[in-house]
Protein backbone atom coordinates (compact mmCIF):
# COMPACT_ATOMS: atom_id res chain seq x y z
CA MET A 1 44.41 85.97 59.27
CA SER A 2 44.93 87.96 62.27
CA PRO A 3 48.14 89.41 63.07
CA ASN A 4 48.10 88.19 67.01
CA GLY A 5 47.46 84.46 66.20
CA ALA A 6 47.11 81.79 68.37
CA ASN A 7 50.81 81.31 68.05
CA GLY A 8 51.59 85.04 68.22
CA GLU A 9 55.22 86.03 68.56
CA ALA A 10 56.54 88.90 70.86
CA GLU A 11 57.30 92.20 69.79
CA VAL A 12 60.34 92.43 67.36
CA GLY A 13 63.59 94.22 68.63
CA SER A 14 62.20 94.07 72.29
CA ASP A 15 65.42 93.21 73.80
CA GLY A 16 66.71 97.02 74.35
CA PRO A 17 67.47 99.94 72.65
CA ARG A 18 69.44 99.72 69.21
CA GLN A 19 71.73 101.95 67.22
CA LYS A 20 69.84 103.27 63.82
CA GLY A 21 71.29 104.59 60.63
CA LYS A 22 70.61 104.17 56.85
CA ALA A 23 71.20 100.97 55.20
CA THR A 24 71.60 99.39 51.66
CA PRO A 25 70.65 96.08 50.16
CA ASP A 26 74.25 94.99 50.55
CA THR A 27 75.05 96.41 53.98
CA LEU A 28 71.53 95.06 55.67
CA GLN A 29 72.28 91.97 57.50
CA VAL A 30 70.70 89.20 59.84
CA GLY A 31 69.43 90.65 63.02
CA CYS A 32 68.42 94.10 61.40
CA ILE A 33 65.06 95.68 62.06
CA ALA A 34 63.59 97.46 58.97
CA LEU A 35 60.11 98.56 57.85
CA VAL A 36 58.93 96.29 55.26
CA THR A 37 55.69 96.24 53.04
CA LYS A 38 53.24 93.83 54.03
CA ASP A 39 49.37 93.77 53.42
CA GLY A 40 50.01 97.45 51.74
CA HIS A 41 51.37 98.60 55.14
CA LEU A 42 54.95 99.27 56.16
CA ARG A 43 55.39 97.24 59.25
CA ARG A 44 58.66 96.58 61.62
CA ALA A 45 60.23 93.34 60.74
CA GLU A 46 63.40 91.54 61.89
CA ILE A 47 65.90 90.00 59.13
CA LEU A 48 66.40 86.39 60.18
CA SER A 49 67.94 85.19 57.06
CA ILE A 50 69.40 86.41 53.82
CA LYS A 51 69.52 84.06 50.66
CA GLU A 52 70.40 84.57 46.73
CA THR A 53 67.81 83.20 44.65
CA LYS A 54 67.42 83.22 40.71
CA SER A 55 65.37 86.21 40.91
CA GLY A 56 67.84 87.85 43.31
CA ARG A 57 68.37 88.62 47.00
CA GLN A 58 65.61 88.00 49.36
CA PHE A 59 65.35 88.68 53.14
CA TYR A 60 63.53 86.25 55.57
CA CYS A 61 61.38 88.57 57.86
CA ASN A 62 59.65 88.21 61.14
CA PHE A 63 57.10 90.81 61.61
CA ASP A 64 56.27 92.62 64.49
CA ASN A 65 53.37 91.26 66.70
CA PHE A 66 52.54 88.60 63.84
CA ASN A 67 52.17 84.63 63.93
CA LYS A 68 55.23 82.97 63.25
CA ARG A 69 53.53 81.27 60.22
CA LEU A 70 53.25 84.75 58.69
CA ASP A 71 57.06 85.35 58.38
CA GLU A 72 58.23 85.39 54.73
CA TRP A 73 60.84 85.75 52.32
CA VAL A 74 60.61 89.37 50.92
CA PRO A 75 62.62 91.01 47.77
CA VAL A 76 64.66 94.11 47.99
CA SER A 77 61.83 96.14 46.45
CA ARG A 78 59.51 95.36 49.45
CA ILE A 79 62.18 97.07 52.13
CA ASP A 80 61.87 100.99 52.62
CA PHE A 81 65.59 101.70 52.87
CA ASP A 82 64.71 105.68 53.10
CA GLN A 83 63.86 104.97 56.70
CA ASP A 84 66.39 104.19 59.36
CA VAL A 85 67.28 100.77 60.03
CA GLU A 86 67.79 99.37 63.72
CA TRP A 87 70.97 97.77 63.72
CA PRO A 88 71.78 94.54 66.16
CA ASN A 89 72.86 95.15 69.73
CA PRO A 90 76.49 93.74 70.06
CA ASP A 91 76.22 93.56 73.73
CA LYS A 92 73.24 91.28 73.25
CA ASP A 93 74.70 89.13 70.62
CA LYS A 94 77.79 88.57 72.67
CA GLN A 95 75.71 87.30 75.19
CA LYS A 96 73.63 85.06 72.71
CA ASP A 97 76.98 83.70 71.42
CA THR A 98 78.26 82.75 75.09
CA LYS A 99 74.92 81.07 75.67
CA THR A 100 74.93 78.97 72.54
CA LYS A 101 78.39 77.57 73.01
CA LYS A 102 77.44 76.55 76.55
CA THR A 103 74.40 74.70 75.31
CA THR A 104 75.94 73.12 72.45
CA THR A 105 78.92 71.77 74.48
CA VAL A 106 78.32 67.91 74.22
CA SER A 107 80.71 65.27 76.19
CA LYS A 108 82.04 62.48 73.75
CA LYS A 109 80.00 60.11 75.67
CA SER A 110 76.44 61.69 74.74
CA GLN A 111 77.65 61.82 71.16
CA PRO A 112 76.25 58.91 68.74
CA SER A 113 78.51 56.64 67.63
CA LYS A 114 79.96 56.51 64.01
CA LYS A 115 77.48 53.72 62.88
CA THR A 116 74.43 55.57 64.73
CA GLN A 117 75.67 58.74 62.42
CA LYS A 118 75.57 57.00 59.57
CA ARG A 119 72.34 55.44 59.97
CA VAL A 120 70.53 58.78 60.84
CA GLY A 121 72.55 60.93 58.21
CA LYS A 122 70.61 58.77 55.56
CA ARG A 123 67.50 59.23 57.14
CA GLU A 124 66.96 62.63 58.02
CA GLN A 125 63.78 62.99 55.88
CA SER A 126 60.59 62.67 56.30
CA VAL A 127 57.64 61.61 58.84
CA ALA A 128 56.03 63.51 60.93
CA SER A 129 54.36 63.05 64.24
CA GLU A 130 53.76 64.36 67.64
CA GLY A 131 55.56 63.23 70.82
CA GLN A 132 54.16 62.35 74.35
CA THR A 133 53.38 65.46 76.32
CA PRO A 134 50.78 66.27 79.23
CA HIS A 135 47.21 66.56 77.75
CA PRO A 136 46.66 69.86 76.04
CA TRP A 137 43.87 70.64 78.74
CA THR A 138 46.18 70.07 81.68
CA GLU A 139 46.36 73.87 82.52
CA PHE A 140 42.82 74.25 82.79
CA VAL A 141 42.22 71.14 85.22
CA GLU A 142 42.31 72.07 88.94
CA SER A 143 43.98 69.80 91.22
CA GLN A 144 41.44 67.33 93.11
CA SER A 145 41.88 64.65 95.36
CA LYS A 146 42.02 61.09 94.66
CA ALA A 147 38.66 60.22 96.25
CA ASP A 148 36.91 62.84 93.94
CA GLY A 149 38.47 61.26 91.13
CA GLU A 150 36.62 58.03 91.71
CA ASP A 151 33.22 59.66 92.55
CA LYS A 152 33.28 61.53 89.31
CA ALA A 153 33.21 58.29 87.27
CA ASN A 154 29.63 57.87 88.70
CA ALA A 155 28.74 61.55 88.19
CA SER A 156 24.84 61.89 87.12
CA LEU A 157 23.55 63.97 84.28
CA GLU A 158 21.61 67.09 84.52
CA VAL A 159 20.39 69.67 82.27
CA GLY A 160 20.13 73.66 83.69
CA ALA A 161 22.02 76.65 84.80
CA THR A 162 25.37 76.36 85.95
CA PRO A 163 28.15 79.08 86.46
CA ASN A 164 28.42 81.23 83.58
CA ILE A 165 30.93 80.51 80.72
CA GLY A 166 32.62 83.43 79.14
CA PRO A 167 32.49 83.85 75.49
CA ASP A 168 36.18 83.28 75.39
CA GLU A 169 36.31 80.20 77.19
CA MET A 170 37.16 77.97 74.01
CA GLU A 171 39.64 80.64 72.77
CA LEU A 172 42.96 79.49 72.66
CA ASP A 173 45.57 81.20 75.35
CA GLU A 174 48.91 82.17 73.84
CA ASP A 175 50.91 81.16 76.89
CA GLU A 176 49.10 77.53 76.84
CA THR A 177 50.02 76.69 73.40
CA PRO A 178 52.32 73.66 72.49
CA ALA A 179 54.79 75.83 70.36
CA SER A 180 55.27 78.17 72.90
CA ALA A 181 56.13 75.37 75.68
CA ALA A 182 58.48 73.93 73.04
CA LYS A 183 60.18 77.37 72.60
CA LYS A 184 60.96 77.09 76.37
CA GLU A 185 62.39 73.64 75.95
CA HIS A 186 64.64 74.88 72.85
CA THR A 187 67.53 76.06 75.38
CA GLN A 188 67.86 72.30 76.76
CA SER A 189 70.41 70.14 75.10
CA PHE A 190 68.93 67.71 72.40
CA SER A 191 70.85 64.30 71.85
CA ARG A 192 69.90 62.93 68.36
CA GLU A 193 71.29 59.39 69.79
CA GLN A 194 68.43 59.60 72.51
CA GLU A 195 65.78 60.55 69.88
CA ILE A 196 66.66 57.40 67.71
CA GLU A 197 66.34 55.34 71.12
CA LYS A 198 62.96 56.65 71.57
CA LEU A 199 61.73 55.76 68.37
CA ARG A 200 63.13 52.33 68.62
CA THR A 201 61.54 51.62 71.97
CA SER A 202 57.95 53.14 71.69
CA GLY A 203 57.80 53.45 68.10
CA SER A 204 56.41 57.10 68.51
CA MET A 205 58.07 59.88 66.56
CA THR A 206 58.91 62.44 69.17
CA GLN A 207 59.17 66.22 68.85
CA ASN A 208 62.75 67.85 67.99
CA PRO A 209 63.17 71.22 69.42
CA ALA A 210 66.02 71.99 67.29
CA GLU A 211 63.62 72.03 64.39
CA ILE A 212 61.24 74.74 65.72
CA SER A 213 63.17 77.76 65.01
CA ARG A 214 64.68 76.80 61.54
CA ILE A 215 64.14 79.37 58.81
CA ARG A 216 61.45 78.34 56.35
CA ASN A 217 63.32 77.20 53.17
CA ILE A 218 60.49 77.21 50.53
CA SER A 219 59.10 80.42 49.35
CA LYS A 220 55.93 79.52 47.28
CA VAL A 221 54.57 75.85 45.84
CA GLU A 222 52.50 75.18 42.95
CA PHE A 223 49.96 72.49 43.82
CA GLY A 224 47.63 71.61 41.27
CA ARG A 225 45.51 74.68 40.46
CA TYR A 226 46.54 76.39 43.82
CA VAL A 227 49.34 78.31 44.84
CA LEU A 228 50.78 77.84 48.20
CA PHE A 229 52.92 79.76 50.48
CA PRO A 230 54.33 77.50 53.32
CA TRP A 231 54.39 78.31 56.73
CA TYR A 232 57.30 76.38 58.24
CA PHE A 233 60.73 74.71 57.12
CA SER A 234 60.51 71.56 55.27
CA PRO A 235 63.28 69.13 54.56
CA TYR A 236 63.44 69.47 50.86
CA PRO A 237 66.69 68.97 49.13
CA GLU A 238 68.85 72.23 49.70
CA ALA A 239 68.77 73.14 45.85
CA PHE A 240 65.23 74.01 46.40
CA SER A 241 65.59 76.60 48.68
CA GLN A 242 67.45 78.39 45.69
CA GLU A 243 64.05 78.42 43.46
CA ASP A 244 61.59 81.20 43.75
CA CYS A 245 58.60 78.30 43.30
CA ILE A 246 58.78 74.75 43.38
CA TYR A 247 56.15 72.58 41.65
CA ILE A 248 54.56 69.59 43.32
CA CYS A 249 52.30 66.81 41.20
CA GLU A 250 49.01 66.72 43.14
CA PHE A 251 48.42 63.23 42.47
CA CYS A 252 52.21 61.46 42.99
CA LEU A 253 53.49 64.43 45.02
CA SER A 254 56.94 64.32 43.29
CA TYR A 255 58.69 67.69 43.51
CA TYR A 256 60.31 69.72 40.88
CA GLY A 257 62.29 73.36 40.95
CA ASP A 258 61.98 73.54 37.14
CA PHE A 259 58.67 74.13 35.48
CA LYS A 260 59.79 72.39 31.95
CA SER A 261 60.95 69.25 34.14
CA PHE A 262 57.10 69.50 35.89
CA THR A 263 55.42 69.88 32.65
CA ARG A 264 57.14 66.63 31.13
CA HIS A 265 56.26 64.62 34.47
CA ARG A 266 52.65 65.76 34.47
CA MET A 267 52.32 64.61 30.53
CA LYS A 268 53.69 60.90 31.79
CA CYS A 269 52.06 60.57 35.30
CA THR A 270 49.14 58.24 35.11
CA LEU A 271 48.26 58.35 38.81
CA GLN A 272 44.88 60.03 39.68
CA HIS A 273 44.39 58.96 43.12
CA PRO A 274 46.52 58.09 46.23
CA PRO A 275 48.07 54.43 45.82
CA GLY A 276 46.04 52.71 48.31
CA ASN A 277 42.68 51.00 48.98
CA GLU A 278 39.33 53.04 48.90
CA ILE A 279 37.71 52.47 52.27
CA TYR A 280 34.91 55.13 52.10
CA ARG A 281 33.17 57.09 49.58
CA ASP A 282 30.23 59.49 49.65
CA ASP A 283 28.92 62.41 47.55
CA PHE A 284 31.69 64.62 49.25
CA VAL A 285 34.88 62.87 49.93
CA SER A 286 36.71 59.46 49.57
CA PHE A 287 39.16 58.03 52.09
CA PHE A 288 42.17 55.94 50.97
CA GLU A 289 44.12 53.69 53.21
CA ILE A 290 48.04 53.50 52.48
CA ASP A 291 50.39 51.37 54.00
CA GLY A 292 53.90 53.40 54.60
CA ARG A 293 55.78 50.08 53.90
CA ARG A 294 54.27 49.38 50.59
CA GLN A 295 54.19 53.11 49.51
CA ARG A 296 57.38 54.58 51.00
CA THR A 297 58.24 57.19 48.28
CA TRP A 298 54.44 58.53 48.33
CA CYS A 299 54.29 58.82 51.93
CA ARG A 300 57.80 60.58 52.75
CA ASN A 301 56.60 62.89 49.86
CA LEU A 302 53.19 63.27 51.55
CA CYS A 303 55.14 63.98 54.94
CA LEU A 304 57.53 66.45 53.40
CA LEU A 305 54.57 68.31 51.92
CA SER A 306 52.77 68.24 55.54
CA LYS A 307 55.78 69.45 57.17
CA MET A 308 55.67 72.97 55.50
CA PHE A 309 52.39 73.34 57.19
CA LEU A 310 53.06 71.89 60.50
CA ASP A 311 55.58 73.68 63.15
CA HIS A 312 56.93 71.47 65.65
CA LYS A 313 57.57 67.96 63.91
CA THR A 314 60.59 65.72 63.61
CA LEU A 315 60.65 64.21 60.05
CA TYR A 316 62.42 60.89 59.58
CA TYR A 317 63.03 58.80 56.42
CA ASP A 318 61.16 55.84 57.65
CA VAL A 319 57.56 55.61 57.44
CA ASP A 320 57.02 52.01 57.60
CA PRO A 321 55.63 51.63 61.23
CA PHE A 322 52.43 54.05 59.98
CA LEU A 323 49.12 53.79 58.03
CA PHE A 324 47.98 57.11 56.10
CA TYR A 325 44.31 57.70 55.96
CA VAL A 326 44.17 60.48 53.13
CA MET A 327 40.87 62.20 52.33
CA THR A 328 40.34 63.40 48.65
CA THR A 329 37.68 65.12 46.50
CA ARG A 330 36.66 63.80 43.15
CA ASP A 331 36.18 65.45 39.93
CA ASP A 332 36.54 64.52 36.28
CA ARG A 333 40.52 64.70 36.67
CA GLY A 334 41.06 62.59 39.51
CA SER A 335 40.96 62.65 43.53
CA HIS A 336 42.43 65.57 44.86
CA LEU A 337 44.31 65.81 48.41
CA ILE A 338 42.42 67.54 50.94
CA GLY A 339 44.14 66.46 54.35
CA TYR A 340 44.94 63.21 55.95
CA PHE A 341 46.02 61.63 59.45
CA SER A 342 48.47 59.16 59.98
CA LYS A 343 48.38 56.36 62.45
CA GLU A 344 50.91 53.75 64.14
CA LYS A 345 50.16 50.04 63.22
CA GLU A 346 50.60 49.48 66.73
CA SER A 347 50.66 51.86 69.34
CA ALA A 348 51.55 51.22 72.83
CA ASP A 349 49.63 54.30 74.40
CA GLY A 350 46.76 53.59 72.22
CA TYR A 351 46.56 56.53 70.09
CA ASN A 352 44.50 56.65 67.29
CA VAL A 353 46.03 59.71 65.13
CA ALA A 354 49.89 60.46 64.93
CA CYS A 355 49.77 63.22 62.54
CA ILE A 356 46.88 65.41 61.19
CA LEU A 357 46.49 68.00 58.86
CA THR A 358 44.17 69.74 56.62
CA MET A 359 45.69 71.27 53.23
CA PRO A 360 45.54 75.37 53.61
CA GLN A 361 43.40 75.43 50.57
CA TYR A 362 40.85 73.42 52.15
CA GLN A 363 40.79 75.01 55.68
CA ARG A 364 38.04 76.37 57.60
CA LYS A 365 35.55 74.54 55.62
CA GLY A 366 34.63 71.41 58.07
CA TYR A 367 37.05 69.26 56.33
CA GLY A 368 39.18 69.00 59.80
CA ARG A 369 36.15 67.67 61.61
CA LEU A 370 35.60 64.91 58.94
CA LEU A 371 39.35 63.57 59.58
CA ILE A 372 38.89 63.58 63.41
CA GLN A 373 35.11 61.89 62.94
CA PHE A 374 36.74 59.51 60.87
CA SER A 375 39.52 58.38 63.08
CA TYR A 376 37.12 57.87 65.95
CA GLU A 377 35.00 55.85 63.35
CA LEU A 378 37.88 53.31 62.82
CA SER A 379 38.51 53.05 66.61
CA LYS A 380 35.12 52.09 67.15
CA ILE A 381 35.16 49.34 64.69
CA GLU A 382 38.27 48.48 66.28
CA GLY A 383 36.46 48.29 69.58
CA LYS A 384 39.02 50.67 71.01
CA LEU A 385 39.35 54.28 72.78
CA GLY A 386 41.40 56.52 70.81
CA SER A 387 43.12 59.97 71.47
CA PRO A 388 45.61 61.98 69.43
CA GLU A 389 49.42 62.18 70.08
CA LYS A 390 50.33 65.32 72.14
CA PRO A 391 51.11 67.93 71.90
CA LEU A 392 48.93 68.97 69.22
CA SER A 393 49.51 72.13 67.08
CA ASP A 394 47.57 75.19 67.74
CA LEU A 395 44.95 74.58 64.80
CA GLY A 396 44.76 70.85 65.91
CA LEU A 397 43.89 71.68 69.31
CA LEU A 398 41.27 74.06 68.49
CA SER A 399 39.85 71.53 65.96
CA TYR A 400 39.90 68.34 68.70
CA ARG A 401 38.42 70.92 71.38
CA GLN A 402 35.57 71.44 69.00
CA TYR A 403 34.83 67.93 68.22
CA TRP A 404 35.05 66.70 71.60
CA SER A 405 32.86 69.14 73.18
CA GLU A 406 30.12 68.98 70.09
CA ASN A 407 30.15 65.21 70.47
CA ILE A 408 29.93 65.12 74.32
CA ILE A 409 27.24 67.61 74.40
CA ASP A 410 24.89 65.92 71.61
CA LEU A 411 25.45 62.68 73.76
CA LEU A 412 24.41 64.46 76.96
CA LEU A 413 21.40 66.32 75.50
CA THR A 414 19.91 62.66 74.29
CA LYS A 415 20.28 61.24 77.52
CA SER A 416 18.77 64.11 79.31
CA GLU A 417 15.58 64.09 76.89
CA SER A 418 15.15 60.34 77.79
CA GLY A 419 15.96 60.92 81.58
CA GLU A 420 18.66 58.57 81.66
CA LYS A 421 22.02 58.81 83.62
CA ILE A 422 25.34 58.31 82.32
CA THR A 423 28.90 57.79 83.67
CA ILE A 424 32.27 59.38 82.23
CA GLU A 425 33.14 55.67 81.47
CA GLU A 426 29.84 55.27 79.42
CA ILE A 427 30.26 58.40 77.41
CA ALA A 428 34.32 57.48 76.38
CA THR A 429 32.79 54.06 75.35
CA ARG A 430 29.97 55.64 73.21
CA LEU A 431 32.18 57.94 71.44
CA ALA A 432 35.19 55.84 71.33
CA MET A 433 37.13 58.88 73.49
CA THR A 434 39.63 58.18 76.34
CA THR A 435 38.18 58.82 79.71
CA GLN A 436 41.04 61.50 80.09
CA ASP A 437 39.90 63.46 76.89
CA VAL A 438 36.27 63.22 78.04
CA GLU A 439 37.18 64.41 81.70
CA HIS A 440 39.10 67.31 80.61
CA THR A 441 36.59 68.45 78.26
CA LEU A 442 34.03 68.28 80.79
CA GLN A 443 36.26 70.20 83.24
CA ALA A 444 37.46 72.88 80.50
CA LEU A 445 33.74 73.65 79.82
CA LYS A 446 33.11 73.85 83.50
CA MET A 447 30.33 71.18 83.03
CA GLN A 448 31.36 69.20 86.36
CA VAL A 449 29.82 70.52 89.66
CA TYR A 450 29.99 68.90 93.12
CA HIS A 451 26.00 68.96 94.44
CA LYS A 452 24.80 67.58 97.64
CA GLY A 453 27.52 65.19 98.02
CA GLU A 454 27.59 64.11 94.47
CA HIS A 455 29.62 64.93 91.27
CA LYS A 456 27.22 65.60 88.23
CA ILE A 457 27.41 66.76 84.83
CA VAL A 458 25.26 69.76 84.00
CA ILE A 459 24.85 71.24 80.55
CA PRO A 460 25.15 75.45 80.78
CA ASP A 461 22.27 76.98 78.69
CA LYS A 462 24.83 78.79 76.70
CA LEU A 463 26.64 75.79 75.49
CA VAL A 464 23.25 74.43 74.37
CA GLU A 465 22.54 77.47 72.26
CA GLN A 466 26.19 77.50 70.82
CA ARG A 467 25.63 73.87 69.92
CA ALA A 468 22.19 74.50 68.10
CA LYS A 469 23.74 77.16 66.05
CA SER A 470 26.77 75.32 65.09
CA ARG A 471 24.55 72.04 64.37
CA ALA A 472 22.93 74.33 61.47
CA LYS A 473 25.78 75.38 60.00
CA GLN A 474 27.38 71.81 60.02
CA LYS A 475 26.77 70.35 56.34
CA ARG A 476 29.05 67.11 56.20
CA GLN A 477 29.48 64.05 58.39
CA ILE A 478 30.80 61.00 58.07
CA ASP A 479 28.13 57.88 57.37
CA PRO A 480 29.53 54.86 59.10
CA GLN A 481 27.67 52.62 57.10
CA ARG A 482 29.57 53.41 54.16
CA ILE A 483 33.06 52.60 55.65
CA GLN A 484 34.33 49.28 54.02
CA TRP A 485 37.19 48.36 56.33
CA LYS A 486 38.53 45.87 58.64
CA PRO A 487 41.42 46.49 61.19
CA PRO A 488 44.23 45.19 59.33
CA VAL A 489 46.80 42.54 60.67
CA PHE A 490 50.41 43.09 60.75
CA THR A 491 53.58 40.70 60.94
CA ALA A 492 56.18 42.01 63.83
CA ALA A 493 58.42 42.96 60.90
CA SER A 494 55.78 45.42 58.96
CA ARG A 495 54.95 47.17 62.45
CA THR A 496 58.61 48.46 62.88
CA TRP A 497 61.02 50.68 61.68
CA GLY A 498 62.78 49.36 58.38
CA TRP A 499 66.44 50.12 59.17
């Protein structure tokens, strides 16, 4: 992965001059900047945390100009103590302390009641979802009058030359990422009671700014035949942070810190696929529908696992209001987890995806697109227009941008060949997307122009060429005819939080 990721960090130690000097493993402290070996090279890294594990002392390092997900726990042997260490700036630290004292001061009125504290305390593990924030492409959209918005619905279609679109038009700008926006909000006060109230009223699990900057607690995970290195914090029991590696059963998702306990479990575990109904199967993948109310333990474990690879997420204990659609690949040993998306049983805002993840070992292989396509195929069966909850993660945003643009371009090219005109509403209906997603996509790709008093949709030649190349590489697709599914009907009790 490139050091300068989509969610890249600022330069380590850029807050002013620091004192330098020699250090030892015992004197090295949080806030120091040392040279640490990464990928065979010595790199500047800030020490964010220190812990004692069974194998010895480890230091949590944030590397200079590297993506946050590449932070890691390193042993003493990877730190070069022959070089000078930059010590924390005491004046800067004092300023930070005074700021944190101001932001953490909460009045008694805003504090949750004892009953609420008890309820929340028992349920701080585990379901991941994303809150309601502005559309991820809002930054790209230029302000337009209401009259223009009314005319765009009746825009006609043309294929031809338009203003050139740069090769980096679809690249994710670092300043526009949801994670960077969340960091700006991190300084704002956060009330757990307000968060719980949002959950009760909207049924949507919103973002908790306090979770964003938490130190990753799990160093390594053995999952089936893969060894995974988590990207972010996940609220597994605190005892697991002392382990050098945790072991997760790839079928029931139970987790163990001791290899002997894990091997005993594997001898007894009989599960070979997710505990739900198989609603889709082809030569490549299968999809299982799992009710969070009926399979609470499995779904909670899935959310704990996914939290290690999803940054700005709030985890809660109750998974009752959600359905989980899990994609697997099959072999003679069973069905292996590729990824999943969760969905509210009843979304007031019409979201068809609450949380979506492709496991790291299967990323960049086209599986994320299959997950997105499957969510829209379900929306078509329901006869609804769907959209994912916002904000999307950086990788999720890129995947959705690609899916939206490819499907809209394919539909417009089909209509262009037949000489038909099409409106934004018709595009949205055909693709089961919201008109907002369609319009933002067209505007981001600069496919909307105003010509001779009319708003028109024009496909640039560059986009046509790019789509032809990507279509040639695309190997897998969901076959809607193979989906064996009817929209489930729930009682009021099964749609709500089981508190």
